[in-house]
């Protein structure tokens, strides 16, 4: 019986480590901002912010180009994040995020609230590793 409990606990821990134990995991695309009175204002223009949370503590941000359907490689920035309040708040730099009704709400500089939707399907971010060019320059 002890062996079964130990094996079960070990499997759960391994699953957490392999899959990442954070509700923020994945890629998020900006939908717009939420004004102080609660009014939602859709993002305008052809560039929106995209965020990618990678386990264990890396966050990437960049500008999503609507026409191309991907994040512009030249705009990607890397940082670290950590979670607070039992994984209900993610903090990185001057921003903190939480999830409301399946949407990520990012509060920047204490008063700007941006709303993001989770990206499903193929990644919109460029690869993490870039191979050097083999052509002569």
C-alpha atoms as a PDB file:
ATOM      1  CA  UNK A   1       0.000   0.000   0.000  1.00  0.00           C
ATOM      2  CA  UNK A   2       2.810   2.419   0.863  1.00  0.00           C
ATOM      3  CA  UNK A   3       4.482   1.617  -2.422  1.00  0.00           C
ATOM      4  CA  UNK A   4       1.301   2.443  -4.373  1.00  0.00           C
ATOM      5  CA  UNK A   5       0.916   5.792  -2.578  1.00  0.00           C
ATOM      6  CA  UNK A   6       4.581   6.661  -3.137  1.00  0.00           C
ATOM      7  CA  UNK A   7       4.365   5.670  -6.813  1.00  0.00           C
ATOM      8  CA  UNK A   8       1.184   7.671  -7.290  1.00  0.00           C
ATOM      9  CA  UNK A   9       2.703  10.753  -5.618  1.00  0.00           C
ATOM     10  CA  UNK A  10       5.857  10.457  -7.711  1.00  0.00           C
ATOM     11  CA  UNK A  11       3.833  10.211 -10.921  1.00  0.00           C
ATOM     12  CA  UNK A  12       1.825  13.323 -10.022  1.00  0.00           C
ATOM     13  CA  UNK A  13       4.996  15.265  -9.252  1.00  0.00           C
ATOM     14  CA  UNK A  14       6.601  14.138 -12.503  1.00  0.00           C
ATOM     15  CA  UNK A  15       3.486  15.142 -14.449  1.00  0.00           C
ATOM     16  CA  UNK A  16       3.605  18.612 -12.868  1.00  0.00           C
ATOM     17  CA  UNK A  17       7.276  19.021 -13.719  1.00  0.00           C
ATOM     18  CA  UNK A  18       6.886  17.810 -17.307  1.00  0.00           C
ATOM     19  CA  UNK A  19       3.702  19.687 -18.174  1.00  0.00           C
ATOM     20  CA  UNK A  20       4.286  22.830 -16.141  1.00  0.00           C
ATOM     21  CA  UNK A  21       2.036  23.676 -13.244  1.00  0.00           C
ATOM     22  CA  UNK A  22       0.778  27.125 -14.115  1.00  0.00           C
ATOM     23  CA  UNK A  23      -2.554  28.320 -15.439  1.00  0.00           C
ATOM     24  CA  UNK A  24      -0.765  30.971 -17.520  1.00  0.00           C
ATOM     25  CA  UNK A  25       1.126  28.446 -19.667  1.00  0.00           C
ATOM     26  CA  UNK A  26       0.849  29.048 -23.406  1.00  0.00           C
ATOM     27  CA  UNK A  27       0.399  31.918 -25.831  1.00  0.00           C
ATOM     28  CA  UNK A  28      -1.974  34.850 -25.389  1.00  0.00           C
ATOM     29  CA  UNK A  29      -3.031  37.487 -27.928  1.00  0.00           C
ATOM     30  CA  UNK A  30      -4.272  40.974 -27.048  1.00  0.00           C
ATOM     31  CA  UNK A  31      -7.947  41.679 -27.714  1.00  0.00           C
ATOM     32  CA  UNK A  32      -8.051  45.231 -26.363  1.00  0.00           C
ATOM     33  CA  UNK A  33      -8.028  47.341 -23.208  1.00  0.00           C
ATOM     34  CA  UNK A  34     -10.491  47.725 -20.363  1.00  0.00           C
ATOM     35  CA  UNK A  35     -11.165  51.297 -19.269  1.00  0.00           C
ATOM     36  CA  UNK A  36     -11.517  52.271 -15.610  1.00  0.00           C
ATOM     37  CA  UNK A  37     -15.320  52.286 -15.956  1.00  0.00           C
ATOM     38  CA  UNK A  38     -15.216  48.665 -17.223  1.00  0.00           C
ATOM     39  CA  UNK A  39     -15.801  49.501 -20.886  1.00  0.00           C
ATOM     40  CA  UNK A  40     -13.917  47.230 -23.288  1.00  0.00           C
ATOM     41  CA  UNK A  41     -12.097  48.941 -26.168  1.00  0.00           C
ATOM     42  CA  UNK A  42     -10.989  46.545 -28.954  1.00  0.00           C
ATOM     43  CA  UNK A  43      -7.380  46.784 -30.125  1.00  0.00           C
ATOM     44  CA  UNK A  44      -7.074  48.868 -33.261  1.00  0.00           C
ATOM     45  CA  UNK A  45      -4.396  48.904 -35.896  1.00  0.00           C
ATOM     46  CA  UNK A  46      -2.570  45.970 -37.401  1.00  0.00           C
ATOM     47  CA  UNK A  47      -0.276  45.220 -34.419  1.00  0.00           C
ATOM     48  CA  UNK A  48      -1.283  43.754 -31.099  1.00  0.00           C
ATOM     49  CA  UNK A  49       0.747  42.523 -28.150  1.00  0.00           C
ATOM     50  CA  UNK A  50       1.329  38.799 -27.735  1.00  0.00           C
ATOM     51  CA  UNK A  51       2.567  37.030 -24.610  1.00  0.00           C
ATOM     52  CA  UNK A  52       3.973  33.536 -24.195  1.00  0.00           C
ATOM     53  CA  UNK A  53       4.488  31.928 -20.782  1.00  0.00           C
ATOM     54  CA  UNK A  54       6.956  29.031 -20.810  1.00  0.00           C
ATOM     55  CA  UNK A  55       7.648  26.733 -17.898  1.00  0.00           C
ATOM     56  CA  UNK A  56       9.289  27.128 -15.473  1.00  0.00           C
ATOM     57  CA  UNK A  57       9.629  30.935 -15.409  1.00  0.00           C
ATOM     58  CA  UNK A  58      10.147  32.504 -18.834  1.00  0.00           C
ATOM     59  CA  UNK A  59       7.810  34.995 -20.466  1.00  0.00           C
ATOM     60  CA  UNK A  60       8.208  36.303 -24.012  1.00  0.00           C
ATOM     61  CA  UNK A  61       6.390  39.328 -25.380  1.00  0.00           C
ATOM     62  CA  UNK A  62       6.237  40.707 -28.881  1.00  0.00           C
ATOM     63  CA  UNK A  63       4.193  42.539 -31.486  1.00  0.00           C
ATOM     64  CA  UNK A  64       1.702  40.355 -33.373  1.00  0.00           C
ATOM     65  CA  UNK A  65       1.352  41.352 -37.023  1.00  0.00           C
ATOM     66  CA  UNK A  66      -2.264  40.706 -38.056  1.00  0.00           C
ATOM     67  CA  UNK A  67      -1.489  40.445 -41.777  1.00  0.00           C
ATOM     68  CA  UNK A  68       1.307  37.911 -41.277  1.00  0.00           C
ATOM     69  CA  UNK A  69      -0.472  36.060 -38.463  1.00  0.00           C
ATOM     70  CA  UNK A  70       2.722  35.752 -36.394  1.00  0.00           C
ATOM     71  CA  UNK A  71       4.804  37.672 -33.867  1.00  0.00           C
ATOM     72  CA  UNK A  72       7.493  39.861 -35.444  1.00  0.00           C
ATOM     73  CA  UNK A  73      10.845  38.297 -34.510  1.00  0.00           C
ATOM     74  CA  UNK A  74      12.510  41.712 -34.169  1.00  0.00           C
ATOM     75  CA  UNK A  75      10.105  42.735 -31.368  1.00  0.00           C
ATOM     76  CA  UNK A  76      10.402  39.687 -29.099  1.00  0.00           C
ATOM     77  CA  UNK A  77      11.676  40.358 -25.584  1.00  0.00           C
ATOM     78  CA  UNK A  78      12.464  37.778 -22.894  1.00  0.00           C
ATOM     79  CA  UNK A  79      11.968  38.119 -19.167  1.00  0.00           C
ATOM     80  CA  UNK A  80      11.270  36.043 -16.087  1.00  0.00           C
ATOM     81  CA  UNK A  81       7.953  35.735 -14.307  1.00  0.00           C
ATOM     82  CA  UNK A  82       6.803  34.285 -11.029  1.00  0.00           C
ATOM     83  CA  UNK A  83       3.401  33.348  -9.688  1.00  0.00           C
ATOM     84  CA  UNK A  84       1.763  34.572  -6.497  1.00  0.00           C
ATOM     85  CA  UNK A  85      -1.441  33.837  -4.585  1.00  0.00           C
ATOM     86  CA  UNK A  86      -1.341  30.101  -5.203  1.00  0.00           C
ATOM     87  CA  UNK A  87      -0.758  30.479  -8.977  1.00  0.00           C
ATOM     88  CA  UNK A  88      -3.604  32.982  -9.438  1.00  0.00           C
ATOM     89  CA  UNK A  89      -1.361  35.981 -10.270  1.00  0.00           C
ATOM     90  CA  UNK A  90       1.672  36.117 -12.565  1.00  0.00           C
ATOM     91  CA  UNK A  91       4.130  38.982 -12.170  1.00  0.00           C
ATOM     92  CA  UNK A  92       6.843  40.168 -14.508  1.00  0.00           C
ATOM     93  CA  UNK A  93       8.511  43.553 -14.544  1.00  0.00           C
ATOM     94  CA  UNK A  94       5.906  46.313 -14.176  1.00  0.00           C
ATOM     95  CA  UNK A  95       2.944  44.091 -15.012  1.00  0.00           C
ATOM     96  CA  UNK A  96       0.815  41.532 -13.267  1.00  0.00           C
ATOM     97  CA  UNK A  97      -1.707  39.148 -14.795  1.00  0.00           C
ATOM     98  CA  UNK A  98      -4.661  37.100 -13.657  1.00  0.00           C
ATOM     99  CA  UNK A  99      -7.326  35.072 -15.431  1.00  0.00           C
ATOM    100  CA  UNK A 100     -11.000  36.076 -15.494  1.00  0.00           C
ATOM    101  CA  UNK A 101     -13.551  33.951 -17.383  1.00  0.00           C
ATOM    102  CA  UNK A 102     -10.835  32.281 -19.476  1.00  0.00           C
ATOM    103  CA  UNK A 103      -9.269  35.609 -20.489  1.00  0.00           C
ATOM    104  CA  UNK A 104      -5.896  36.867 -19.277  1.00  0.00           C
ATOM    105  CA  UNK A 105      -6.074  40.357 -17.786  1.00  0.00           C
ATOM    106  CA  UNK A 106      -2.710  42.120 -17.707  1.00  0.00           C
ATOM    107  CA  UNK A 107      -2.403  45.188 -15.479  1.00  0.00           C
ATOM    108  CA  UNK A 108       0.479  47.404 -16.574  1.00  0.00           C
ATOM    109  CA  UNK A 109       1.844  50.292 -14.506  1.00  0.00           C
ATOM    110  CA  UNK A 110      -0.992  49.915 -12.016  1.00  0.00           C
ATOM    111  CA  UNK A 111      -3.829  51.309 -14.122  1.00  0.00           C
ATOM    112  CA  UNK A 112      -3.761  50.082 -17.747  1.00  0.00           C
ATOM    113  CA  UNK A 113      -5.709  46.812 -18.124  1.00  0.00           C
ATOM    114  CA  UNK A 114      -5.252  44.764 -21.292  1.00  0.00           C
ATOM    115  CA  UNK A 115      -7.342  41.685 -22.114  1.00  0.00           C
ATOM    116  CA  UNK A 116      -5.842  38.679 -23.908  1.00  0.00           C
ATOM    117  CA  UNK A 117      -7.333  35.519 -25.370  1.00  0.00           C
ATOM    118  CA  UNK A 118      -5.511  32.174 -25.394  1.00  0.00           C
ATOM    119  CA  UNK A 119      -4.096  31.104 -28.755  1.00  0.00           C
ATOM    120  CA  UNK A 120      -5.084  27.630 -29.864  1.00  0.00           C
ATOM    121  CA  UNK A 121      -3.362  25.655 -32.602  1.00  0.00           C
ATOM    122  CA  UNK A 122       0.062  26.395 -34.048  1.00  0.00           C
ATOM    123  CA  UNK A 123       2.494  28.713 -32.297  1.00  0.00           C
ATOM    124  CA  UNK A 124       2.478  32.369 -33.311  1.00  0.00           C
ATOM    125  CA  UNK A 125       5.923  33.013 -31.792  1.00  0.00           C
ATOM    126  CA  UNK A 126       9.206  32.547 -33.680  1.00  0.00           C
ATOM    127  CA  UNK A 127      11.366  29.589 -32.612  1.00  0.00           C
ATOM    128  CA  UNK A 128      13.526  30.032 -29.526  1.00  0.00           C
ATOM    129  CA  UNK A 129      16.649  28.802 -31.290  1.00  0.00           C
ATOM    130  CA  UNK A 130      17.846  30.465 -34.468  1.00  0.00           C
ATOM    131  CA  UNK A 131      20.413  28.819 -36.678  1.00  0.00           C
ATOM    132  CA  UNK A 132      23.118  30.992 -38.225  1.00  0.00           C
ATOM    133  CA  UNK A 133      22.836  31.820 -41.888  1.00  0.00           C
ATOM    134  CA  UNK A 134      24.873  29.523 -44.121  1.00  0.00           C
ATOM    135  CA  UNK A 135      25.017  31.971 -47.007  1.00  0.00           C
ATOM    136  CA  UNK A 136      27.959  34.248 -47.585  1.00  0.00           C
ATOM    137  CA  UNK A 137      27.417  37.861 -46.677  1.00  0.00           C
END
